[in-house]
């Protein structure tokens, strides 16, 4: 059960049906988040030419995770970064893939 669900159901008992996803795994969106994070790293570091430590700091604020976690993702997914560099993705390409982010 989702945390706080009992309180909400006690306030609005007939309005809320219990809706449990069948696949309730922790980190279900981790792959998509990590891909987005690495794309943002590529943008800040490769396209915008920011320093490595500044890039990590900005990503930590943007994704609410530690710089250590970000460096782990980079180490674990180096092939994806190599692919982005090889494809020479432009800001226009990144904007198409993640239109909800600011790419200035």
N, C-alpha and C. Protein backbone atom coordinates (compact mmCIF):
# COMPACT_ATOMS: atom_id res chain seq x y z
N UNK A 1 0.84 -1.17 0.00
CA UNK A 1 0.00 0.00 0.00
C UNK A 1 0.89 1.24 0.00
N UNK A 2 0.47 2.24 -0.70
CA UNK A 2 1.22 3.48 -0.80
C UNK A 2 1.16 4.22 0.52
N UNK A 3 2.29 4.78 0.92
CA UNK A 3 2.38 5.50 2.18
C UNK A 3 1.39 6.67 2.19
N UNK A 4 0.64 6.80 3.26
CA UNK A 4 -0.35 7.87 3.39
C UNK A 4 -1.70 7.51 2.80
N UNK A 5 -1.80 6.34 2.18
CA UNK A 5 -3.03 5.93 1.53
C UNK A 5 -4.18 5.75 2.52
N UNK A 6 -3.89 5.22 3.71
CA UNK A 6 -4.94 5.01 4.71
C UNK A 6 -5.53 6.33 5.18
N UNK A 7 -4.68 7.33 5.36
CA UNK A 7 -5.18 8.64 5.79
C UNK A 7 -6.09 9.23 4.72
N UNK A 8 -5.67 9.16 3.47
CA UNK A 8 -6.47 9.69 2.37
C UNK A 8 -7.78 8.94 2.26
N UNK A 9 -7.74 7.61 2.40
CA UNK A 9 -8.97 6.82 2.32
C UNK A 9 -9.90 7.12 3.48
N UNK A 10 -9.36 7.45 4.64
CA UNK A 10 -10.23 7.79 5.76
C UNK A 10 -10.90 9.14 5.53
N UNK A 11 -10.25 10.04 4.80
CA UNK A 11 -10.84 11.34 4.50
C UNK A 11 -11.81 11.24 3.34
N UNK A 12 -11.44 10.52 2.30
CA UNK A 12 -12.26 10.37 1.10
C UNK A 12 -12.52 8.89 0.83
N UNK A 13 -13.27 8.20 1.68
CA UNK A 13 -13.37 6.74 1.55
C UNK A 13 -14.02 6.25 0.27
N UNK A 14 -15.01 6.93 -0.25
CA UNK A 14 -15.69 6.41 -1.42
C UNK A 14 -15.09 6.91 -2.73
N UNK A 15 -14.19 7.86 -2.66
CA UNK A 15 -13.65 8.46 -3.87
C UNK A 15 -12.41 7.76 -4.40
N UNK A 16 -11.71 7.06 -3.55
CA UNK A 16 -10.44 6.47 -3.96
C UNK A 16 -10.52 4.96 -3.94
N UNK A 17 -10.23 4.36 -5.08
CA UNK A 17 -10.14 2.92 -5.16
C UNK A 17 -8.68 2.53 -5.04
N UNK A 18 -8.44 1.42 -4.41
CA UNK A 18 -7.06 0.97 -4.31
C UNK A 18 -6.59 0.52 -5.68
N UNK A 19 -5.54 1.12 -6.14
CA UNK A 19 -5.03 0.86 -7.47
C UNK A 19 -3.57 0.46 -7.37
N UNK A 20 -3.32 -0.82 -7.33
CA UNK A 20 -1.96 -1.32 -7.23
C UNK A 20 -1.49 -1.79 -8.60
N UNK A 21 -0.36 -1.28 -9.03
CA UNK A 21 0.18 -1.82 -10.27
C UNK A 21 0.63 -3.27 -10.05
N UNK A 22 0.47 -4.08 -11.08
CA UNK A 22 0.84 -5.49 -10.95
C UNK A 22 2.34 -5.66 -10.75
N UNK A 23 3.11 -4.80 -11.37
CA UNK A 23 4.55 -4.90 -11.27
C UNK A 23 5.05 -3.74 -10.42
N UNK A 24 5.05 -3.92 -9.12
CA UNK A 24 5.40 -2.85 -8.19
C UNK A 24 6.86 -2.98 -7.76
N UNK A 25 7.76 -2.80 -8.72
CA UNK A 25 9.19 -2.91 -8.44
C UNK A 25 9.78 -1.55 -8.15
N UNK A 26 10.75 -1.53 -7.26
CA UNK A 26 11.47 -0.31 -7.00
C UNK A 26 12.39 -0.03 -8.19
N UNK A 27 12.43 1.19 -8.62
CA UNK A 27 13.30 1.55 -9.72
C UNK A 27 12.74 1.23 -11.08
N UNK A 28 11.43 1.22 -11.22
CA UNK A 28 10.81 0.84 -12.48
C UNK A 28 11.17 1.81 -13.61
N UNK A 29 11.44 3.07 -13.27
CA UNK A 29 11.78 4.07 -14.27
C UNK A 29 13.27 4.40 -14.27
N UNK A 30 14.06 3.60 -13.62
CA UNK A 30 15.48 3.87 -13.48
C UNK A 30 16.20 3.91 -14.83
N UNK A 31 15.85 3.04 -15.74
CA UNK A 31 16.52 2.99 -17.04
C UNK A 31 16.27 4.29 -17.80
N UNK A 32 15.02 4.74 -17.82
CA UNK A 32 14.69 5.98 -18.53
C UNK A 32 15.35 7.18 -17.85
N UNK A 33 15.35 7.20 -16.51
CA UNK A 33 15.97 8.30 -15.78
C UNK A 33 17.47 8.35 -16.06
N UNK A 34 18.11 7.20 -16.03
CA UNK A 34 19.55 7.15 -16.26
C UNK A 34 19.91 7.58 -17.68
N UNK A 35 19.09 7.19 -18.64
CA UNK A 35 19.31 7.61 -20.02
C UNK A 35 19.19 9.12 -20.14
N UNK A 36 18.19 9.68 -19.51
CA UNK A 36 18.01 11.14 -19.52
C UNK A 36 19.18 11.82 -18.82
N UNK A 37 19.59 11.28 -17.70
CA UNK A 37 20.70 11.84 -16.94
C UNK A 37 21.98 11.84 -17.77
N UNK A 38 22.26 10.76 -18.46
CA UNK A 38 23.46 10.69 -19.28
C UNK A 38 23.38 11.62 -20.49
N UNK A 39 22.17 11.79 -21.02
CA UNK A 39 21.98 12.74 -22.11
C UNK A 39 22.24 14.16 -21.64
N UNK A 40 21.78 14.48 -20.43
CA UNK A 40 22.05 15.81 -19.86
C UNK A 40 23.54 15.98 -19.58
N UNK A 41 24.20 14.92 -19.12
CA UNK A 41 25.64 14.99 -18.92
C UNK A 41 26.34 15.32 -20.24
N UNK A 42 25.96 14.61 -21.28
CA UNK A 42 26.50 14.87 -22.61
C UNK A 42 26.29 16.33 -23.00
N UNK A 43 25.11 16.85 -22.76
CA UNK A 43 24.79 18.24 -23.10
C UNK A 43 25.67 19.22 -22.34
N UNK A 44 25.72 19.08 -21.02
CA UNK A 44 26.49 20.04 -20.21
C UNK A 44 27.99 19.92 -20.46
N UNK A 45 28.49 18.70 -20.49
CA UNK A 45 29.94 18.50 -20.55
C UNK A 45 30.48 18.60 -21.97
N UNK A 46 29.82 17.98 -22.93
CA UNK A 46 30.35 17.90 -24.28
C UNK A 46 29.93 19.08 -25.14
N UNK A 47 28.65 19.44 -25.08
CA UNK A 47 28.16 20.53 -25.93
C UNK A 47 28.43 21.89 -25.30
N UNK A 48 28.09 22.05 -24.02
CA UNK A 48 28.26 23.34 -23.35
C UNK A 48 29.69 23.55 -22.83
N UNK A 49 30.50 22.51 -22.85
CA UNK A 49 31.91 22.57 -22.43
C UNK A 49 32.09 23.03 -20.98
N UNK A 50 31.21 22.56 -20.10
CA UNK A 50 31.35 22.88 -18.69
C UNK A 50 32.37 21.95 -18.05
N UNK A 51 32.92 22.40 -16.94
CA UNK A 51 33.87 21.57 -16.20
C UNK A 51 33.15 20.35 -15.64
N UNK A 52 33.89 19.29 -15.42
CA UNK A 52 33.32 18.04 -14.93
C UNK A 52 32.64 18.22 -13.58
N UNK A 53 33.30 18.87 -12.64
CA UNK A 53 32.71 19.04 -11.31
C UNK A 53 31.48 19.94 -11.34
N UNK A 54 31.47 20.95 -12.20
CA UNK A 54 30.30 21.81 -12.34
C UNK A 54 29.14 21.03 -12.95
N UNK A 55 29.45 20.21 -13.93
CA UNK A 55 28.42 19.38 -14.56
C UNK A 55 27.80 18.44 -13.55
N UNK A 56 28.62 17.79 -12.74
CA UNK A 56 28.09 16.87 -11.72
C UNK A 56 27.22 17.61 -10.72
N UNK A 57 27.65 18.77 -10.29
CA UNK A 57 26.89 19.57 -9.34
C UNK A 57 25.52 19.97 -9.91
N UNK A 58 25.51 20.41 -11.17
CA UNK A 58 24.25 20.78 -11.82
C UNK A 58 23.31 19.60 -11.96
N UNK A 59 23.86 18.45 -12.34
CA UNK A 59 23.03 17.25 -12.49
C UNK A 59 22.50 16.77 -11.14
N UNK A 60 23.29 16.89 -10.10
CA UNK A 60 22.84 16.49 -8.76
C UNK A 60 21.64 17.32 -8.34
N UNK A 61 21.66 18.60 -8.64
CA UNK A 61 20.53 19.48 -8.32
C UNK A 61 19.32 19.17 -9.20
N UNK A 62 19.58 18.90 -10.47
CA UNK A 62 18.50 18.66 -11.42
C UNK A 62 17.78 17.34 -11.19
N UNK A 63 18.53 16.29 -10.81
CA UNK A 63 17.95 14.96 -10.66
C UNK A 63 17.80 14.52 -9.20
N UNK A 64 18.19 15.36 -8.26
CA UNK A 64 18.06 15.07 -6.83
C UNK A 64 18.77 13.78 -6.43
N UNK A 65 19.97 13.61 -6.95
CA UNK A 65 20.80 12.47 -6.56
C UNK A 65 22.22 12.97 -6.32
N UNK A 66 23.02 12.17 -5.65
CA UNK A 66 24.37 12.60 -5.29
C UNK A 66 25.30 12.54 -6.49
N UNK A 67 26.37 13.31 -6.39
CA UNK A 67 27.37 13.29 -7.46
C UNK A 67 28.03 11.92 -7.57
N UNK A 68 28.16 11.24 -6.45
CA UNK A 68 28.73 9.88 -6.46
C UNK A 68 27.85 8.93 -7.27
N UNK A 69 26.55 9.03 -7.11
CA UNK A 69 25.61 8.20 -7.87
C UNK A 69 25.72 8.51 -9.35
N UNK A 70 25.86 9.77 -9.68
CA UNK A 70 25.99 10.17 -11.08
C UNK A 70 27.27 9.58 -11.69
N UNK A 71 28.37 9.68 -10.97
CA UNK A 71 29.62 9.11 -11.50
C UNK A 71 29.51 7.59 -11.66
N UNK A 72 28.76 6.94 -10.78
CA UNK A 72 28.53 5.50 -10.93
C UNK A 72 27.74 5.21 -12.20
N UNK A 73 26.70 6.00 -12.48
CA UNK A 73 25.92 5.82 -13.70
C UNK A 73 26.78 6.04 -14.93
N UNK A 74 27.64 7.04 -14.88
CA UNK A 74 28.53 7.32 -16.01
C UNK A 74 29.48 6.14 -16.24
N UNK A 75 30.04 5.63 -15.17
CA UNK A 75 30.96 4.49 -15.29
C UNK A 75 30.25 3.25 -15.81
N UNK A 76 29.03 3.02 -15.35
CA UNK A 76 28.28 1.84 -15.75
C UNK A 76 27.72 1.93 -17.17
N UNK A 77 27.55 3.14 -17.68
CA UNK A 77 26.89 3.33 -18.98
C UNK A 77 27.76 4.12 -19.95
N UNK A 78 29.04 3.87 -19.93
CA UNK A 78 29.96 4.57 -20.82
C UNK A 78 29.65 4.36 -22.29
N UNK A 79 29.14 3.19 -22.61
CA UNK A 79 28.81 2.90 -24.01
C UNK A 79 27.74 3.84 -24.55
N UNK A 80 26.78 4.19 -23.72
CA UNK A 80 25.74 5.12 -24.17
C UNK A 80 26.33 6.49 -24.46
N UNK A 81 27.25 6.95 -23.61
CA UNK A 81 27.90 8.23 -23.85
C UNK A 81 28.74 8.18 -25.13
N UNK A 82 29.42 7.08 -25.35
CA UNK A 82 30.21 6.92 -26.58
C UNK A 82 29.30 6.99 -27.81
N UNK A 83 28.12 6.39 -27.68
CA UNK A 83 27.16 6.41 -28.79
C UNK A 83 26.67 7.84 -29.07
N UNK A 84 26.41 8.61 -28.01
CA UNK A 84 25.98 10.00 -28.19
C UNK A 84 27.07 10.82 -28.89
N UNK A 85 28.31 10.62 -28.48
CA UNK A 85 29.42 11.34 -29.09
C UNK A 85 29.59 10.91 -30.56
N UNK A 86 29.50 9.62 -30.82
CA UNK A 86 29.65 9.11 -32.18
C UNK A 86 28.54 9.62 -33.10
N UNK A 87 27.32 9.73 -32.56
CA UNK A 87 26.20 10.23 -33.35
C UNK A 87 26.26 11.74 -33.52
N UNK A 88 27.10 12.39 -32.73
CA UNK A 88 27.25 13.85 -32.74
C UNK A 88 25.88 14.53 -32.63
N UNK A 89 25.14 14.12 -31.60
CA UNK A 89 23.80 14.66 -31.37
C UNK A 89 23.84 16.16 -31.15
N UNK A 90 22.98 16.86 -31.82
CA UNK A 90 22.90 18.31 -31.67
C UNK A 90 21.86 18.65 -30.60
N UNK A 91 21.82 19.92 -30.24
CA UNK A 91 20.81 20.38 -29.28
C UNK A 91 19.42 20.13 -29.84
N UNK A 92 19.27 20.29 -31.14
CA UNK A 92 17.97 20.04 -31.80
C UNK A 92 17.54 18.59 -31.60
N UNK A 93 18.48 17.65 -31.74
CA UNK A 93 18.18 16.23 -31.53
C UNK A 93 17.78 15.96 -30.09
N UNK A 94 18.51 16.57 -29.17
CA UNK A 94 18.22 16.38 -27.74
C UNK A 94 16.86 16.97 -27.38
N UNK A 95 16.56 18.10 -27.97
CA UNK A 95 15.27 18.75 -27.71
C UNK A 95 14.11 17.89 -28.21
N UNK A 96 14.31 17.20 -29.33
CA UNK A 96 13.27 16.30 -29.85
C UNK A 96 13.04 15.13 -28.89
N UNK A 97 14.14 14.60 -28.35
CA UNK A 97 14.03 13.44 -27.48
C UNK A 97 13.44 13.78 -26.12
N UNK A 98 13.83 14.94 -25.57
CA UNK A 98 13.36 15.38 -24.25
C UNK A 98 12.83 16.81 -24.35
N UNK A 99 11.65 17.00 -24.93
CA UNK A 99 11.13 18.36 -25.14
C UNK A 99 10.76 19.08 -23.84
N UNK A 100 10.61 18.37 -22.75
CA UNK A 100 10.22 19.00 -21.49
C UNK A 100 11.41 19.63 -20.76
N UNK A 101 12.62 19.42 -21.25
CA UNK A 101 13.82 19.99 -20.62
C UNK A 101 14.26 21.25 -21.36
N UNK A 102 14.97 22.10 -20.65
CA UNK A 102 15.48 23.33 -21.25
C UNK A 102 16.88 23.04 -21.77
N UNK A 103 17.12 23.34 -23.03
CA UNK A 103 18.38 23.01 -23.69
C UNK A 103 19.13 24.27 -24.14
N UNK A 104 19.16 25.29 -23.30
CA UNK A 104 19.87 26.54 -23.65
C UNK A 104 21.24 26.58 -23.02
